[in-house]
Amino acid sequence: MDHDISSVGTPIVHATWVGDRDARQVDTVHIGRDVWIGAGTIVLGGVTIGEGSVIGAGSVVTKDIPPYSIAVGSPAKRVGPRFSDDSDRSEHSAALDVLSKKEQSH
C-alpha cells in the first residue's frame, strides 16, 4: 500500500508513493502503551500493536498483534503471552494507568 504499483504504463520508480498523497486510514499505525519493538523491525501501515506487547528484532509486522503478546518473525507471529495469566496483565495495565496519571500531573 505504500506505492501505487497498479498504474498501467507507469514505471514503479515513478509510481505514487504514500508520502506523495493524502494520508488514508489504512496508512495509520497504532502502537499501544509499554510496547517494545526490537531493532530493525518493520511495521506495515494499518497495523495495531496492542498494549504491553514485545516484538522481536528484525520482525516484519504485517497484521495486528494482540495486547501483551510476544511476536517474532517475518511475518511476525505471536509466539506466546508476555504474562502467564490475566491477573498479572490486569495488574500491569493498572500500574501503567497510575504512572500515566503521575506523568500528566507534572
C-alpha atoms as a PDB file:
ATOM      1  CA  MET A   1       0.000   0.000   0.000  1.00  0.00           C
ATOM      2  CA  ASP A   2       2.997   2.330   0.257  1.00  0.00           C
ATOM      3  CA  HIS A   3       3.441   2.534  -3.524  1.00  0.00           C
ATOM      4  CA  ASP A   4       0.816   2.538  -6.273  1.00  0.00           C
ATOM      5  CA  ILE A   5       2.071  -0.302  -8.440  1.00  0.00           C
ATOM      6  CA  SER A   6      -1.213  -0.757 -10.327  1.00  0.00           C
ATOM      7  CA  SER A   7      -0.945   2.203 -12.730  1.00  0.00           C
ATOM      8  CA  VAL A   8      -0.665   0.793 -16.237  1.00  0.00           C
ATOM      9  CA  GLY A   9       2.131   2.467 -18.180  1.00  0.00           C
ATOM     10  CA  THR A  10       3.791   3.988 -15.108  1.00  0.00           C
ATOM     11  CA  PRO A  11       7.187   2.557 -14.130  1.00  0.00           C
ATOM     12  CA  ILE A  12       7.391   1.738 -10.416  1.00  0.00           C
ATOM     13  CA  VAL A  13      10.122   4.338  -9.936  1.00  0.00           C
ATOM     14  CA  HIS A  14       7.540   6.983 -10.950  1.00  0.00           C
ATOM     15  CA  ALA A  15       4.578   5.452  -9.092  1.00  0.00           C
ATOM     16  CA  THR A  16       2.804   7.472  -6.424  1.00  0.00           C
ATOM     17  CA  TRP A  17       4.386   6.934  -3.015  1.00  0.00           C
ATOM     18  CA  VAL A  18       2.452   7.156   0.276  1.00  0.00           C
ATOM     19  CA  GLY A  19       4.328  10.372   1.140  1.00  0.00           C
ATOM     20  CA  ASP A  20       3.186  11.999  -2.101  1.00  0.00           C
ATOM     21  CA  ARG A  21      -0.549  11.615  -1.470  1.00  0.00           C
ATOM     22  CA  ASP A  22      -3.080  12.439   1.227  1.00  0.00           C
ATOM     23  CA  ALA A  23      -2.953  10.117   4.221  1.00  0.00           C
ATOM     24  CA  ARG A  24      -5.522   7.324   4.394  1.00  0.00           C
ATOM     25  CA  GLN A  25      -6.804   5.370   7.376  1.00  0.00           C
ATOM     26  CA  VAL A  26      -5.002   2.282   6.052  1.00  0.00           C
ATOM     27  CA  ASP A  27      -1.665   4.124   6.437  1.00  0.00           C
ATOM     28  CA  THR A  28      -2.064   4.581  10.206  1.00  0.00           C
ATOM     29  CA  VAL A  29      -0.035   2.504  12.655  1.00  0.00           C
ATOM     30  CA  HIS A  30      -1.283   2.220  16.247  1.00  0.00           C
ATOM     31  CA  ILE A  31       1.214   1.276  18.950  1.00  0.00           C
ATOM     32  CA  GLY A  32      -0.126   0.677  22.453  1.00  0.00           C
ATOM     33  CA  ARG A  33       1.448   1.672  25.745  1.00  0.00           C
ATOM     34  CA  ASP A  34       4.509  -0.133  27.043  1.00  0.00           C
ATOM     35  CA  VAL A  35       5.364  -1.771  23.715  1.00  0.00           C
ATOM     36  CA  TRP A  36       8.928  -2.844  22.956  1.00  0.00           C
ATOM     37  CA  ILE A  37       9.854  -3.041  19.277  1.00  0.00           C
ATOM     38  CA  GLY A  38      13.208  -4.683  18.618  1.00  0.00           C
ATOM     39  CA  ALA A  39      15.838  -3.144  16.338  1.00  0.00           C
ATOM     40  CA  GLY A  40      15.327  -3.441  12.602  1.00  0.00           C
ATOM     41  CA  THR A  41      11.643  -4.247  12.857  1.00  0.00           C
ATOM     42  CA  ILE A  42       9.328  -3.138  10.057  1.00  0.00           C
ATOM     43  CA  VAL A  43       5.703  -2.285  10.892  1.00  0.00           C
ATOM     44  CA  LEU A  44       3.396  -2.000   7.891  1.00  0.00           C
ATOM     45  CA  GLY A  45       0.621   0.573   7.618  1.00  0.00           C
ATOM     46  CA  GLY A  46      -2.772  -0.271   9.060  1.00  0.00           C
ATOM     47  CA  VAL A  47      -1.331  -2.422  11.857  1.00  0.00           C
ATOM     48  CA  THR A  48      -2.118  -2.189  15.568  1.00  0.00           C
ATOM     49  CA  ILE A  49       0.367  -3.467  18.152  1.00  0.00           C
ATOM     50  CA  GLY A  50      -1.515  -3.983  21.392  1.00  0.00           C
ATOM     51  CA  GLU A  51      -0.542  -2.627  24.793  1.00  0.00           C
ATOM     52  CA  GLY A  52       2.370  -4.319  26.512  1.00  0.00           C
ATOM     53  CA  SER A  53       3.500  -6.350  23.519  1.00  0.00           C
ATOM     54  CA  VAL A  54       7.088  -7.231  22.668  1.00  0.00           C
ATOM     55  CA  ILE A  55       8.170  -7.510  19.029  1.00  0.00           C
ATOM     56  CA  GLY A  56      11.407  -9.383  18.335  1.00  0.00           C
ATOM     57  CA  ALA A  57      14.248  -7.669  16.476  1.00  0.00           C
ATOM     58  CA  GLY A  58      14.109  -7.902  12.704  1.00  0.00           C
ATOM     59  CA  SER A  59      10.441  -8.830  12.599  1.00  0.00           C
ATOM     60  CA  VAL A  60       8.052  -7.699   9.876  1.00  0.00           C
ATOM     61  CA  VAL A  61       4.665  -6.878  11.413  1.00  0.00           C
ATOM     62  CA  THR A  62       2.002  -7.302   8.727  1.00  0.00           C
ATOM     63  CA  LYS A  63      -1.072  -7.936  10.922  1.00  0.00           C
ATOM     64  CA  ASP A  64      -2.420  -6.772  14.276  1.00  0.00           C
ATOM     65  CA  ILE A  65      -0.678  -8.101  17.390  1.00  0.00           C
ATOM     66  CA  PRO A  66      -2.952  -8.659  20.420  1.00  0.00           C
ATOM     67  CA  PRO A  67      -2.189  -6.914  23.728  1.00  0.00           C
ATOM     68  CA  TYR A  68       0.510  -8.443  25.933  1.00  0.00           C
ATOM     69  CA  SER A  69       1.853 -10.727  23.217  1.00  0.00           C
ATOM     70  CA  ILE A  70       5.357 -11.717  22.246  1.00  0.00           C
ATOM     71  CA  ALA A  71       5.668 -11.803  18.455  1.00  0.00           C
ATOM     72  CA  VAL A  72       8.635 -12.579  16.216  1.00  0.00           C
ATOM     73  CA  GLY A  73       9.497 -13.376  12.637  1.00  0.00           C
ATOM     74  CA  SER A  74       8.714 -12.416   9.074  1.00  0.00           C
ATOM     75  CA  PRO A  75       5.824 -12.152   9.021  1.00  0.00           C
ATOM     76  CA  ALA A  76       5.594 -11.599  12.773  1.00  0.00           C
ATOM     77  CA  LYS A  77       3.575 -14.229  14.593  1.00  0.00           C
ATOM     78  CA  ARG A  78       2.509 -14.415  18.202  1.00  0.00           C
ATOM     79  CA  VAL A  79       4.683 -16.992  19.944  1.00  0.00           C
ATOM     80  CA  GLY A  80       3.280 -16.516  23.422  1.00  0.00           C
ATOM     81  CA  PRO A  81       1.945 -14.181  26.070  1.00  0.00           C
ATOM     82  CA  ARG A  82       4.069 -11.632  27.906  1.00  0.00           C
ATOM     83  CA  PHE A  83       2.479 -12.592  31.228  1.00  0.00           C
ATOM     84  CA  SER A  84       1.375 -16.068  32.260  1.00  0.00           C
ATOM     85  CA  ASP A  85      -2.094 -15.114  33.490  1.00  0.00           C
ATOM     86  CA  ASP A  86      -4.788 -12.463  33.130  1.00  0.00           C
ATOM     87  CA  SER A  87      -4.394 -11.174  36.681  1.00  0.00           C
ATOM     88  CA  ASP A  88      -0.741 -10.237  36.034  1.00  0.00           C
ATOM     89  CA  ARG A  89      -1.772  -8.498  32.817  1.00  0.00           C
ATOM     90  CA  SER A  90      -4.524  -6.562  34.604  1.00  0.00           C
ATOM     91  CA  GLU A  91      -2.193  -5.579  37.435  1.00  0.00           C
ATOM     92  CA  HIS A  92       0.427  -4.366  34.952  1.00  0.00           C
ATOM     93  CA  SER A  93      -2.135  -2.341  32.996  1.00  0.00           C
ATOM     94  CA  ALA A  94      -3.394  -0.735  36.213  1.00  0.00           C
ATOM     95  CA  ALA A  95       0.180   0.185  37.154  1.00  0.00           C
ATOM     96  CA  LEU A  96       0.589   1.834  33.734  1.00  0.00           C
ATOM     97  CA  ASP A  97      -2.569   3.855  34.415  1.00  0.00           C
ATOM     98  CA  VAL A  98      -1.100   5.103  37.714  1.00  0.00           C
ATOM     99  CA  LEU A  99       2.198   6.062  36.044  1.00  0.00           C
ATOM    100  CA  SER A 100       0.361   7.812  33.229  1.00  0.00           C
ATOM    101  CA  LYS A 101      -1.654   9.902  35.706  1.00  0.00           C
ATOM    102  CA  LYS A 102       1.533  10.874  37.585  1.00  0.00           C
ATOM    103  CA  GLU A 103       3.211  11.960  34.354  1.00  0.00           C
ATOM    104  CA  GLN A 104       0.192  14.033  33.323  1.00  0.00           C
ATOM    105  CA  SER A 105       0.191  15.885  36.645  1.00  0.00           C
ATOM    106  CA  HIS A 106       3.767  17.130  36.163  1.00  0.00           C
END
